[in-house]
N, C-alpha and C. Protein backbone atom coordinates (compact mmCIF):
# COMPACT_ATOMS: atom_id res chain seq x y z
N MET A 1 0.96 -1.47 -0.10
CA MET A 1 -0.07 0.34 -0.02
C MET A 1 1.05 1.17 -0.11
N ARG A 2 0.59 2.48 -1.00
CA ARG A 2 1.58 3.26 -1.48
C ARG A 2 0.76 4.55 0.24
N ASN A 3 1.58 4.95 0.20
CA ASN A 3 1.08 6.47 1.73
C ASN A 3 1.89 7.65 0.95
N ALA A 4 0.85 8.86 0.19
CA ALA A 4 1.70 9.64 -0.20
C ALA A 4 2.05 10.48 0.20
N ALA A 5 1.91 10.60 1.79
CA ALA A 5 2.09 11.39 2.64
C ALA A 5 3.98 10.97 3.26
N LYS A 6 4.21 9.95 2.50
CA LYS A 6 5.98 9.47 3.06
C LYS A 6 6.75 9.84 1.60
N THR A 7 8.15 10.32 2.22
CA THR A 7 9.10 10.67 1.03
C THR A 7 10.12 10.26 1.96
N SER A 8 11.15 10.54 1.23
CA SER A 8 12.89 9.59 1.62
C SER A 8 13.53 10.71 1.13
N VAL A 9 12.87 11.88 0.48
CA VAL A 9 14.04 12.79 0.34
C VAL A 9 13.56 13.69 1.00
N ALA A 10 14.45 14.93 1.57
CA ALA A 10 14.63 16.07 1.75
C ALA A 10 15.49 17.29 1.47
N SER A 11 15.37 18.00 0.75
CA SER A 11 16.60 19.03 0.13
C SER A 11 16.53 20.28 1.22
N PHE A 12 18.36 20.78 1.34
CA PHE A 12 17.92 21.99 2.77
C PHE A 12 19.36 22.55 2.48
N VAL A 13 19.14 23.79 3.20
CA VAL A 13 20.21 24.63 2.83
C VAL A 13 20.67 25.01 3.99
N LEU A 14 21.77 25.59 4.31
CA LEU A 14 22.21 25.96 5.78
C LEU A 14 22.62 27.14 5.80
N ALA A 15 22.20 28.38 6.30
CA ALA A 15 22.50 29.54 6.17
C ALA A 15 24.26 29.71 6.68
N GLY A 16 24.39 30.45 5.46
CA GLY A 16 25.91 30.90 5.93
C GLY A 16 26.54 30.03 5.66
N TYR A 17 26.56 28.94 4.64
CA TYR A 17 27.13 27.70 3.98
C TYR A 17 27.06 27.91 2.74
N SER A 18 28.17 27.48 2.15
CA SER A 18 27.60 26.65 0.48
C SER A 18 26.90 25.43 0.94
N THR A 19 26.36 24.71 -0.51
CA THR A 19 25.87 22.99 -0.15
C THR A 19 27.34 23.00 -0.19
N GLN A 20 27.91 22.74 -1.03
CA GLN A 20 29.53 22.59 -1.00
C GLN A 20 30.07 22.34 0.37
N ASP A 21 29.91 22.73 0.86
CA ASP A 21 30.90 22.99 2.26
C ASP A 21 30.06 21.62 3.59
N VAL A 22 28.58 21.71 3.20
CA VAL A 22 27.66 21.69 4.40
C VAL A 22 27.84 20.18 3.32
N GLY A 23 28.20 19.43 2.54
CA GLY A 23 28.07 18.42 1.84
C GLY A 23 29.66 18.05 2.14
N ALA A 24 30.59 18.61 2.30
CA ALA A 24 31.98 18.08 2.37
C ALA A 24 31.91 17.93 4.02
N ALA A 25 31.50 18.40 4.99
CA ALA A 25 31.50 18.29 6.53
C ALA A 25 30.67 16.59 6.60
N LEU A 26 29.85 16.97 5.90
CA LEU A 26 29.08 15.67 6.30
C LEU A 26 29.42 14.97 5.42
N SER A 27 30.02 14.75 4.79
CA SER A 27 31.45 13.55 3.82
C SER A 27 32.21 13.05 4.83
N ARG A 28 33.00 14.34 5.70
CA ARG A 28 33.86 13.96 6.74
C ARG A 28 32.95 12.86 7.85
N GLU A 29 32.09 13.01 7.81
CA GLU A 29 31.27 12.25 8.92
C GLU A 29 30.84 11.11 8.38
N GLY A 30 31.03 10.41 7.47
CA GLY A 30 30.38 9.38 6.96
C GLY A 30 29.02 9.41 5.89
N VAL A 31 28.31 10.62 6.51
CA VAL A 31 27.52 10.89 5.49
C VAL A 31 27.28 11.46 4.51
N ALA A 32 26.32 10.19 3.51
CA ALA A 32 26.68 10.33 1.87
C ALA A 32 25.31 11.32 1.50
N VAL A 33 25.79 12.66 0.75
CA VAL A 33 24.49 13.46 0.46
C VAL A 33 24.87 13.56 -1.12
N ARG A 34 23.88 14.36 -1.46
CA ARG A 34 24.36 15.82 -2.82
C ARG A 34 23.96 16.99 -2.93
N SER A 35 24.84 17.54 -3.09
CA SER A 35 24.93 18.46 -2.74
C SER A 35 25.04 19.56 -4.79
N GLY A 36 24.32 20.41 -4.77
CA GLY A 36 23.85 21.05 -6.26
C GLY A 36 22.94 21.41 -6.06
N HIS A 37 22.46 21.42 -8.01
CA HIS A 37 21.45 21.53 -8.77
C HIS A 37 20.14 20.60 -8.67
N HIS A 38 20.70 19.41 -8.90
CA HIS A 38 20.23 18.26 -9.21
C HIS A 38 19.64 17.87 -10.60
N CYS A 39 19.19 18.33 -10.76
CA CYS A 39 19.06 19.16 -12.04
C CYS A 39 17.67 19.08 -11.93
N ALA A 40 17.54 20.52 -11.49
CA ALA A 40 15.95 20.79 -11.20
C ALA A 40 16.06 21.83 -10.90
N GLN A 41 16.46 23.17 -11.96
CA GLN A 41 16.83 24.71 -11.69
C GLN A 41 15.55 25.00 -11.81
N PRO A 42 14.81 24.91 -12.78
CA PRO A 42 13.47 25.95 -12.94
C PRO A 42 12.81 25.91 -11.22
N ILE A 43 12.64 24.73 -10.34
CA ILE A 43 12.13 24.80 -9.44
C ILE A 43 12.53 25.41 -7.74
N LEU A 44 13.98 25.04 -8.19
CA LEU A 44 14.86 25.58 -7.24
C LEU A 44 14.85 27.36 -7.50
N ARG A 45 14.69 27.75 -8.32
CA ARG A 45 14.99 29.70 -8.46
C ARG A 45 13.85 30.05 -8.66
N ARG A 46 12.31 28.92 -8.79
CA ARG A 46 11.01 29.29 -8.29
C ARG A 46 11.28 29.77 -6.21
N PHE A 47 12.13 29.27 -5.91
CA PHE A 47 12.48 29.45 -4.71
C PHE A 47 13.42 30.11 -3.77
N GLY A 48 13.90 30.70 -5.17
CA GLY A 48 14.92 31.47 -4.69
C GLY A 48 16.66 30.55 -4.37
N LEU A 49 16.27 29.63 -4.88
CA LEU A 49 18.07 29.27 -4.88
C LEU A 49 18.28 28.35 -6.10
N GLU A 50 19.86 28.13 -5.78
CA GLU A 50 20.29 27.99 -6.96
C GLU A 50 20.97 26.35 -6.62
N ALA A 51 21.22 26.03 -5.10
CA ALA A 51 21.77 24.42 -4.89
C ALA A 51 21.06 24.25 -3.31
N THR A 52 20.96 22.74 -3.16
CA THR A 52 20.32 22.30 -2.01
C THR A 52 21.30 21.25 -1.37
N VAL A 53 21.18 20.44 -0.53
CA VAL A 53 22.21 19.52 0.15
C VAL A 53 21.03 18.55 -0.21
N ARG A 54 20.85 17.48 -0.71
CA ARG A 54 19.74 16.36 -1.28
C ARG A 54 20.14 15.36 0.29
N PRO A 55 19.81 14.48 1.12
CA PRO A 55 20.14 13.46 1.50
C PRO A 55 19.09 12.52 0.99
N SER A 56 19.11 11.15 0.95
CA SER A 56 17.86 10.48 0.53
C SER A 56 18.65 9.09 1.29
N LEU A 57 16.79 8.73 2.02
CA LEU A 57 16.85 7.91 3.48
C LEU A 57 16.49 6.95 2.77
N ALA A 58 16.75 5.47 2.80
CA ALA A 58 16.09 4.37 2.39
C ALA A 58 16.26 3.30 3.56
N PHE A 59 15.41 2.26 3.41
CA PHE A 59 15.18 0.93 4.23
C PHE A 59 16.39 0.65 5.21
N TYR A 60 17.48 1.04 4.41
CA TYR A 60 19.20 0.41 4.86
C TYR A 60 19.40 1.33 5.94
N ASN A 61 18.99 3.43 6.22
CA ASN A 61 19.74 4.17 7.30
C ASN A 61 19.22 3.54 8.34
N THR A 62 20.09 3.52 9.45
CA THR A 62 19.51 3.70 10.34
C THR A 62 18.85 5.19 11.30
N CYS A 63 18.58 4.72 12.64
CA CYS A 63 18.39 6.35 12.97
C CYS A 63 19.63 7.05 13.64
N GLU A 64 20.98 5.96 13.80
CA GLU A 64 21.99 6.31 14.39
C GLU A 64 22.78 7.08 12.38
N ASP A 65 22.24 6.84 11.65
CA ASP A 65 22.98 7.52 10.06
C ASP A 65 21.34 9.28 10.36
N VAL A 66 20.91 9.00 10.75
CA VAL A 66 20.22 10.24 11.04
C VAL A 66 20.68 11.20 11.98
N ASP A 67 20.61 11.19 12.88
CA ASP A 67 21.29 11.33 14.25
C ASP A 67 23.07 11.49 13.69
N VAL A 68 23.05 11.69 13.52
CA VAL A 68 24.94 12.13 12.95
C VAL A 68 24.77 12.98 12.02
N MET A 69 23.72 12.75 10.33
CA MET A 69 23.52 13.83 10.13
C MET A 69 23.27 15.12 10.89
N LEU A 70 22.17 14.62 11.30
CA LEU A 70 21.64 15.92 12.01
C LEU A 70 22.47 16.47 13.32
N GLY A 71 23.64 15.79 13.91
CA GLY A 71 24.66 16.25 14.50
C GLY A 71 25.32 17.29 13.63
N VAL A 72 26.14 16.35 13.04
CA VAL A 72 26.77 17.52 11.97
C VAL A 72 26.07 19.21 11.12
N VAL A 73 24.82 18.51 10.88
CA VAL A 73 23.88 19.81 10.74
C VAL A 73 23.86 21.23 11.87
N GLN A 74 23.74 20.81 12.65
CA GLN A 74 23.44 21.24 14.47
C GLN A 74 24.93 21.79 14.88
N ARG A 75 25.89 21.12 14.52
CA ARG A 75 27.29 22.06 15.01
C ARG A 75 27.76 22.93 13.80
N LEU A 76 27.55 22.77 12.44
CA LEU A 76 27.77 23.90 11.44
C LEU A 76 27.31 24.97 11.64
N ALA A 77 25.65 24.83 11.83
CA ALA A 77 24.75 25.97 12.69
C ALA A 77 25.13 26.73 13.80
N ARG A 78 25.61 25.73 14.82
CA ARG A 78 25.82 26.59 16.19
C ARG A 78 27.18 27.58 15.49
N GLN A 79 28.23 26.73 15.06
CA GLN A 79 29.19 27.76 14.53
C GLN A 79 29.03 29.44 13.43
N ARG A 80 27.48 29.34 13.12
CA ARG A 80 27.52 30.11 12.45
C ARG A 80 26.60 31.82 13.40
N SER A 81 26.23 30.38 14.20
CA SER A 81 25.59 31.61 15.18
C SER A 81 25.98 32.56 16.17
């Protein structure tokens, strides 16, 4: 049964950082994400963006994987505040 309210992809930006910098910081901690325009320039520009960071979560990800990703993003955000 398909649930239309579920998704495994979320794109984000982090104020004060390029998407490449966020992707590199996550990569150093073993978190694989994509950063860039994701072949979606028209919709990104509609929202005033040129690039985003996009983690893709799947059945093989653990809660620990998500916690590591969030920890890196929170650490970066604290460094810019």
